[in-house]
Amino acid sequence: MSRDEELERLKAQRMAELQARQQQQGGAEQQRAAAEAEAQKQSLMRRLLTPEARQRLANIKMVRPEFGQQLEAELIQIAQGGRVPLPISDDQLKRLLAGIEGQQKKRDISIRRV
């Protein structure tokens, strides 16, 4: 192998190492940002919900994670809109859940044959 070929190989290897390091740092930054956003959301939930309501939300998230995330987003919108008094009690959360479940049941699909 000539010196030029070896030099090019070393340059390519160094470039690959730098790119890998940058990707790792980018992934770490994304993870940090996601963890920070989750911490902010949990802090907001502590202010929005009573302990009993937070426990109910945690139970819902364990059973149906997507629905729990949707519910958190709706709770934040409701609180920002000032539509309910804060903090939201467990009974109020149950009523909100009943309303959401009722909306989802209305989306039944019916097929008509022609």
Protein backbone atom coordinates (compact mmCIF):
# COMPACT_ATOMS: atom_id res chain seq x y z
CA MET A 1 0.00 0.00 0.00
CA SER A 2 1.43 3.37 -0.92
CA ARG A 3 1.62 6.29 1.47
CA ASP A 4 -1.16 8.15 -0.35
CA GLU A 5 -3.50 5.18 -0.12
CA GLU A 6 -2.72 4.74 3.58
CA LEU A 7 -3.25 8.45 4.21
CA GLU A 8 -6.63 8.35 2.42
CA ARG A 9 -7.65 5.28 4.43
CA LEU A 10 -6.72 7.02 7.71
CA LYS A 11 -8.61 10.16 6.66
CA ALA A 12 -11.73 8.10 5.83
CA GLN A 13 -11.47 6.23 9.12
CA ARG A 14 -11.11 9.47 11.08
CA MET A 15 -14.07 11.01 9.24
CA ALA A 16 -16.23 7.97 10.05
CA GLU A 17 -15.25 8.24 13.73
CA LEU A 18 -16.16 11.94 13.80
CA GLN A 19 -19.51 11.30 12.14
CA ALA A 20 -20.30 8.51 14.61
CA ARG A 21 -19.42 10.79 17.53
CA GLN A 22 -21.65 13.56 16.17
CA GLN A 23 -24.56 11.13 15.80
CA GLN A 24 -24.11 9.94 19.38
CA GLN A 25 -24.07 13.52 20.65
CA GLY A 26 -27.18 14.36 18.61
CA GLY A 27 -28.99 11.33 20.05
CA ALA A 28 -27.98 12.32 23.58
CA GLU A 29 -29.30 15.84 23.02
CA GLN A 30 -32.61 14.47 21.73
CA GLN A 31 -32.91 12.15 24.72
CA ARG A 32 -32.14 15.04 27.08
CA ALA A 33 -34.74 17.26 25.39
CA ALA A 34 -37.35 14.47 25.54
CA ALA A 35 -36.61 13.85 29.23
CA GLU A 36 -36.88 17.57 29.95
CA ALA A 37 -40.22 17.83 28.12
CA GLU A 38 -41.53 14.80 30.05
CA ALA A 39 -40.43 16.37 33.35
CA GLN A 40 -42.23 19.60 32.46
CA LYS A 41 -45.38 17.66 31.55
CA GLN A 42 -45.28 15.74 34.84
CA SER A 43 -44.81 18.99 36.77
CA LEU A 44 -47.83 20.44 34.99
CA MET A 45 -49.88 17.30 35.74
CA ARG A 46 -49.02 17.69 39.45
CA ARG A 47 -50.51 21.17 39.36
CA LEU A 48 -53.54 20.21 37.25
CA LEU A 49 -54.63 17.02 39.02
CA THR A 50 -55.26 15.93 42.58
CA PRO A 51 -53.20 12.94 43.78
CA GLU A 52 -56.16 10.58 43.25
CA ALA A 53 -56.69 11.84 39.70
CA ARG A 54 -52.95 11.49 38.96
CA GLN A 55 -53.09 7.90 40.18
CA ARG A 56 -56.07 7.19 37.91
CA LEU A 57 -54.19 8.74 34.97
CA ALA A 58 -51.13 6.60 35.76
CA ASN A 59 -53.33 3.49 35.81
CA ILE A 60 -54.83 4.44 32.45
CA LYS A 61 -51.37 5.01 30.97
CA MET A 62 -50.26 1.56 32.10
CA VAL A 63 -53.23 -0.15 30.46
CA ARG A 64 -53.63 2.05 27.37
CA PRO A 65 -50.48 4.17 26.83
CA GLU A 66 -51.73 5.93 23.67
CA PHE A 67 -55.04 6.83 25.28
CA GLY A 68 -53.19 8.08 28.38
CA GLN A 69 -51.03 10.38 26.25
CA GLN A 70 -54.13 11.64 24.43
CA LEU A 71 -55.84 12.25 27.76
CA GLU A 72 -52.85 14.20 29.08
CA ALA A 73 -52.90 16.43 25.99
CA GLU A 74 -56.64 17.05 26.40
CA LEU A 75 -56.22 17.84 30.10
CA ILE A 76 -53.56 20.40 29.27
CA GLN A 77 -55.83 22.00 26.65
CA ILE A 78 -58.77 22.05 29.06
CA ALA A 79 -56.67 23.65 31.78
CA GLN A 80 -55.19 26.25 29.43
CA GLY A 81 -58.66 27.11 28.19
CA GLY A 82 -59.88 27.55 31.76
CA ARG A 83 -62.87 25.28 31.14
CA VAL A 84 -62.63 23.51 34.51
CA PRO A 85 -61.54 24.66 37.97
CA LEU A 86 -58.08 23.52 39.02
CA PRO A 87 -56.97 21.14 40.38
CA ILE A 88 -59.06 18.53 38.60
CA SER A 89 -60.42 16.00 41.08
CA ASP A 90 -60.81 12.29 40.52
CA ASP A 91 -64.59 12.70 40.07
CA GLN A 92 -64.09 15.40 37.44
CA LEU A 93 -61.57 13.17 35.66
CA LYS A 94 -64.09 10.31 35.67
CA ARG A 95 -66.67 12.59 34.04
CA LEU A 96 -64.15 13.71 31.42
CA LEU A 97 -63.28 10.08 30.73
CA ALA A 98 -66.95 9.20 30.35
CA GLY A 99 -67.34 12.03 27.84
CA ILE A 100 -64.29 10.94 25.87
CA GLU A 101 -65.41 7.30 25.86
CA GLY A 102 -68.85 8.42 24.68
CA GLN A 103 -67.28 10.32 21.79
CA GLN A 104 -65.24 7.31 20.78
CA LYS A 105 -68.29 5.04 20.80
CA LYS A 106 -70.08 7.41 18.42
CA ARG A 107 -67.49 6.63 15.77
CA ASP A 108 -68.93 3.21 15.01
CA ILE A 109 -68.62 2.24 11.39
CA SER A 110 -71.59 0.83 9.56
CA ILE A 111 -71.40 -0.77 6.15
CA ARG A 112 -74.37 -0.61 3.84
CA ARG A 113 -74.78 -2.96 0.93
CA VAL A 114 -76.28 -1.56 -2.21
